[in-house]
Amino acid sequence: MNATFYRYLQGMLDEEQPVAVATIVEARGSVPREVGAKMIIHPLGRHVGTVGGGCGEADVIRAGLDVVEDGLPRTVHVDLTEDISMDSLGVCGGVMDVFIERWGEAEDGAGRARPT
């Protein structure tokens, strides 16, 4: 991962807004990005990086927003093996697992900062 990614991450954390970081941890078959590819998911839509685009990335973004909200890390299984058709979006022929974790602080229900 290049230094630019981490500069963006630090800048977002300096705003004291928690973000989610998604990382491809396993890939099998043909997938758009390699293991280790990362993406920052910001709750206000300022995403940095990519885990592949299309519907799979949309699933990762939705899960990332949940991670920012509840602080619970999760793994999203992205299956890109469906049959190719005119309606298919981003079919590559492989599967990948994307681990998502929160970075930064968030407030609990009482307005106190809690670590992630």
Protein backbone atom coordinates (compact mmCIF):
# COMPACT_ATOMS: atom_id res chain seq x y z
CA MET A 1 0.00 0.00 0.00
CA ASN A 2 1.42 3.36 -0.87
CA ALA A 3 2.03 6.29 1.45
CA THR A 4 -0.70 8.38 -0.21
CA PHE A 5 -3.38 5.99 1.08
CA TYR A 6 -2.10 6.38 4.64
CA ARG A 7 -1.90 10.17 4.30
CA TYR A 8 -5.58 10.21 3.31
CA LEU A 9 -6.39 7.92 6.22
CA GLN A 10 -4.52 10.15 8.68
CA GLY A 11 -6.26 13.24 7.31
CA MET A 12 -9.66 11.66 7.82
CA LEU A 13 -8.74 10.52 11.34
CA ASP A 14 -7.49 14.04 12.13
CA GLU A 15 -11.07 15.21 11.47
CA GLU A 16 -12.07 12.98 14.41
CA GLN A 17 -14.56 11.12 12.25
CA PRO A 18 -14.28 7.32 12.38
CA VAL A 19 -13.89 5.54 9.08
CA ALA A 20 -13.81 1.92 7.99
CA VAL A 21 -10.84 0.34 6.26
CA ALA A 22 -11.61 -2.60 3.98
CA THR A 23 -8.81 -5.00 3.03
CA ILE A 24 -8.95 -7.94 0.65
CA VAL A 25 -7.72 -10.85 2.77
CA GLU A 26 -8.37 -13.76 0.42
CA ALA A 27 -8.95 -14.13 -3.30
CA ARG A 28 -9.62 -17.19 -5.44
CA GLY A 29 -9.96 -17.19 -9.19
CA SER A 30 -10.12 -14.07 -11.30
CA VAL A 31 -10.85 -10.96 -9.20
CA PRO A 32 -10.29 -7.27 -10.01
CA ARG A 33 -7.81 -6.55 -7.17
CA GLU A 34 -5.13 -8.47 -5.29
CA VAL A 35 -4.92 -9.59 -1.66
CA GLY A 36 -3.89 -6.58 0.42
CA ALA A 37 -5.78 -3.99 -1.68
CA LYS A 38 -7.42 -1.45 0.63
CA MET A 39 -10.24 1.04 0.60
CA ILE A 40 -11.23 3.73 3.12
CA ILE A 41 -14.98 4.03 3.61
CA HIS A 42 -15.94 7.44 4.99
CA PRO A 43 -19.50 7.85 6.30
CA LEU A 44 -19.92 11.06 4.27
CA GLY A 45 -19.01 9.36 0.98
CA ARG A 46 -15.36 10.38 0.60
CA HIS A 47 -13.96 6.96 -0.22
CA VAL A 48 -10.30 6.36 -1.07
CA GLY A 49 -8.97 3.31 -2.87
CA THR A 50 -10.92 0.39 -4.28
CA VAL A 51 -11.50 -3.29 -3.73
CA GLY A 52 -12.72 -3.80 -7.27
CA GLY A 53 -15.73 -1.69 -8.14
CA GLY A 54 -19.21 -2.77 -9.18
CA CYS A 55 -21.77 -4.56 -7.05
CA GLY A 56 -19.11 -6.28 -4.92
CA GLU A 57 -17.62 -2.98 -3.89
CA ALA A 58 -21.11 -1.61 -3.20
CA ASP A 59 -21.67 -4.51 -0.77
CA VAL A 60 -18.35 -3.69 0.93
CA ILE A 61 -19.28 0.00 1.23
CA ARG A 62 -22.66 -0.87 2.80
CA ALA A 63 -20.96 -3.19 5.30
CA GLY A 64 -18.29 -0.53 5.94
CA LEU A 65 -20.93 2.00 6.90
CA ASP A 66 -22.32 -0.54 9.38
CA VAL A 67 -18.82 -1.04 10.80
CA VAL A 68 -18.41 2.73 11.27
CA GLU A 69 -21.76 2.82 13.04
CA ASP A 70 -21.46 -0.18 15.39
CA GLY A 71 -17.68 -0.67 15.60
CA LEU A 72 -17.94 -4.40 14.95
CA PRO A 73 -15.47 -5.68 12.35
CA ARG A 74 -16.79 -8.07 9.74
CA THR A 75 -15.79 -9.97 6.65
CA VAL A 76 -17.74 -9.62 3.40
CA HIS A 77 -17.68 -12.52 0.94
CA VAL A 78 -17.80 -11.19 -2.63
CA ASP A 79 -18.77 -13.79 -5.23
CA LEU A 80 -18.02 -12.79 -8.82
CA THR A 81 -18.82 -16.18 -10.38
CA GLU A 82 -22.39 -15.65 -11.61
CA ASP A 83 -23.22 -16.41 -15.23
CA ILE A 84 -22.35 -13.66 -17.67
CA SER A 85 -25.42 -11.93 -19.11
CA MET A 86 -26.43 -8.51 -20.27
CA ASP A 87 -27.53 -7.77 -16.67
CA SER A 88 -24.27 -8.90 -15.01
CA LEU A 89 -22.15 -6.22 -13.41
CA GLY A 90 -18.47 -6.93 -12.94
CA VAL A 91 -18.39 -10.71 -13.40
CA CYS A 92 -14.75 -11.78 -13.14
CA GLY A 93 -15.07 -15.45 -12.27
CA GLY A 94 -13.57 -15.47 -8.76
CA VAL A 95 -14.42 -14.88 -5.14
CA MET A 96 -12.78 -12.74 -2.49
CA ASP A 97 -13.13 -12.05 1.20
CA VAL A 98 -12.83 -8.45 2.39
CA PHE A 99 -12.16 -7.70 6.08
CA ILE A 100 -13.55 -4.39 7.31
CA GLU A 101 -12.57 -2.66 10.55
CA ARG A 102 -13.22 0.75 12.07
CA TRP A 103 -10.41 3.26 12.57
CA GLY A 104 -10.83 6.33 14.74
CA GLU A 105 -13.14 7.20 17.59
CA ALA A 106 -16.88 7.42 17.88
CA GLU A 107 -19.19 8.63 20.60
CA ASP A 108 -21.25 6.25 22.67
CA GLY A 109 -24.90 6.97 23.49
CA ALA A 110 -23.90 9.28 26.35
CA GLY A 111 -21.77 11.51 24.10
CA ARG A 112 -18.43 10.16 25.41
CA ALA A 113 -15.66 9.22 23.03
CA ARG A 114 -15.00 5.49 22.87
CA PRO A 115 -11.95 3.85 21.32
CA THR A 116 -12.36 1.56 18.35
